[in-house]
Amino acid sequence: MSDLTAIEKRKLERALGMGGGYVLNFFNRTFAEFFLDSFGVDIYDAKYNRGSGSKANRMRAFWDRESNYLVGKVLGMVFEEWKEFSSPG
């Protein structure tokens, strides 16, 4: 379980555009590929299913379930590749 604070989570949610259930410009397929190819994580596994099962809710469940190390690696890659993940299709 990561130890992100509530304030850190809110800032990340805002930065990643998670208000409407989305995460940046990921589609379901690209979101799944990002986690599986880069980290060996099946983000669509039942353990990450929270609420509506949206990408944003899966990311929140990931933050709550995984280690600081893994959460940090994922966020690091998202921010390193910001232009790729945040620009339209």
Protein backbone atom coordinates (compact mmCIF):
# COMPACT_ATOMS: atom_id res chain seq x y z
CA MET A 1 0.00 0.00 0.00
CA SER A 2 1.45 3.34 -1.01
CA ASP A 3 1.42 6.13 1.49
CA LEU A 4 0.29 8.95 -0.78
CA THR A 5 -1.48 11.57 1.29
CA ALA A 6 -4.98 12.77 0.46
CA ILE A 7 -3.53 16.07 -0.77
CA GLU A 8 -1.00 14.29 -3.00
CA LYS A 9 -3.78 12.13 -4.45
CA ARG A 10 -5.93 15.20 -5.18
CA LYS A 11 -3.01 16.90 -6.92
CA LEU A 12 -2.29 13.80 -8.97
CA GLU A 13 -5.96 13.41 -9.86
CA ARG A 14 -6.05 16.99 -11.10
CA ALA A 15 -2.79 16.61 -13.06
CA LEU A 16 -3.95 13.35 -14.64
CA GLY A 17 -7.42 14.70 -15.50
CA MET A 18 -9.17 12.02 -13.44
CA GLY A 19 -12.32 13.98 -12.59
CA GLY A 20 -14.47 12.39 -15.28
CA GLY A 21 -13.24 8.82 -14.83
CA TYR A 22 -10.42 9.17 -17.32
CA VAL A 23 -6.65 9.17 -16.97
CA LEU A 24 -4.99 11.54 -19.41
CA ASN A 25 -5.77 10.44 -22.98
CA PHE A 26 -5.58 6.72 -22.35
CA PHE A 27 -8.12 4.46 -23.98
CA ASN A 28 -8.98 1.21 -22.17
CA ARG A 29 -6.64 -0.72 -24.46
CA THR A 30 -3.70 1.69 -24.14
CA PHE A 31 -4.19 1.94 -20.37
CA ALA A 32 -4.06 -1.85 -20.08
CA GLU A 33 -1.03 -2.06 -22.40
CA PHE A 34 0.83 0.65 -20.48
CA PHE A 35 0.52 -1.22 -17.18
CA LEU A 36 1.12 -4.70 -18.59
CA ASP A 37 3.99 -3.91 -20.96
CA SER A 38 5.82 -1.53 -18.66
CA PHE A 39 5.19 -3.09 -15.23
CA GLY A 40 3.67 -6.55 -15.69
CA VAL A 41 0.46 -5.35 -14.00
CA ASP A 42 -3.00 -6.33 -15.24
CA ILE A 43 -4.82 -3.12 -14.31
CA TYR A 44 -8.10 -4.79 -15.30
CA ASP A 45 -7.64 -7.49 -12.66
CA ALA A 46 -10.56 -7.62 -10.20
CA LYS A 47 -8.36 -6.35 -7.37
CA TYR A 48 -8.23 -2.93 -9.06
CA ASN A 49 -11.97 -2.80 -9.71
CA ARG A 50 -13.41 0.03 -7.63
CA GLY A 51 -16.73 1.78 -8.02
CA SER A 52 -17.54 2.13 -11.69
CA GLY A 53 -14.35 0.38 -12.83
CA SER A 54 -13.28 3.50 -14.75
CA LYS A 55 -9.62 4.12 -15.52
CA ALA A 56 -9.55 6.79 -12.78
CA ASN A 57 -11.02 4.41 -10.21
CA ARG A 58 -8.59 1.68 -11.25
CA MET A 59 -5.70 4.12 -10.82
CA ARG A 60 -7.01 5.05 -7.35
CA ALA A 61 -7.25 1.36 -6.41
CA PHE A 62 -3.72 0.84 -7.74
CA TRP A 63 -2.45 3.64 -5.50
CA ASP A 64 -4.20 2.09 -2.51
CA ARG A 65 -3.08 -1.51 -3.13
CA GLU A 66 0.48 -1.28 -4.44
CA SER A 67 3.81 -0.38 -2.89
CA ASN A 68 5.38 3.06 -2.89
CA TYR A 69 8.06 1.65 -5.20
CA LEU A 70 5.63 0.43 -7.87
CA VAL A 71 3.35 3.47 -7.63
CA GLY A 72 6.42 5.69 -7.94
CA LYS A 73 7.66 3.78 -11.01
CA VAL A 74 4.28 4.12 -12.73
CA LEU A 75 3.93 7.81 -11.94
CA GLY A 76 7.55 8.41 -12.93
CA MET A 77 6.97 6.91 -16.35
CA VAL A 78 3.71 8.83 -16.82
CA PHE A 79 5.45 12.11 -16.08
CA GLU A 80 8.58 11.22 -18.11
CA GLU A 81 6.39 10.43 -21.11
CA TRP A 82 3.92 13.25 -20.38
CA LYS A 83 3.77 14.50 -23.98
CA GLU A 84 2.94 11.01 -25.29
CA PHE A 85 0.23 10.28 -22.71
CA SER A 86 -1.36 13.71 -22.47
CA SER A 87 -1.69 14.74 -26.10
CA PRO A 88 -4.75 13.84 -28.14
CA GLY A 89 -4.74 10.57 -30.13
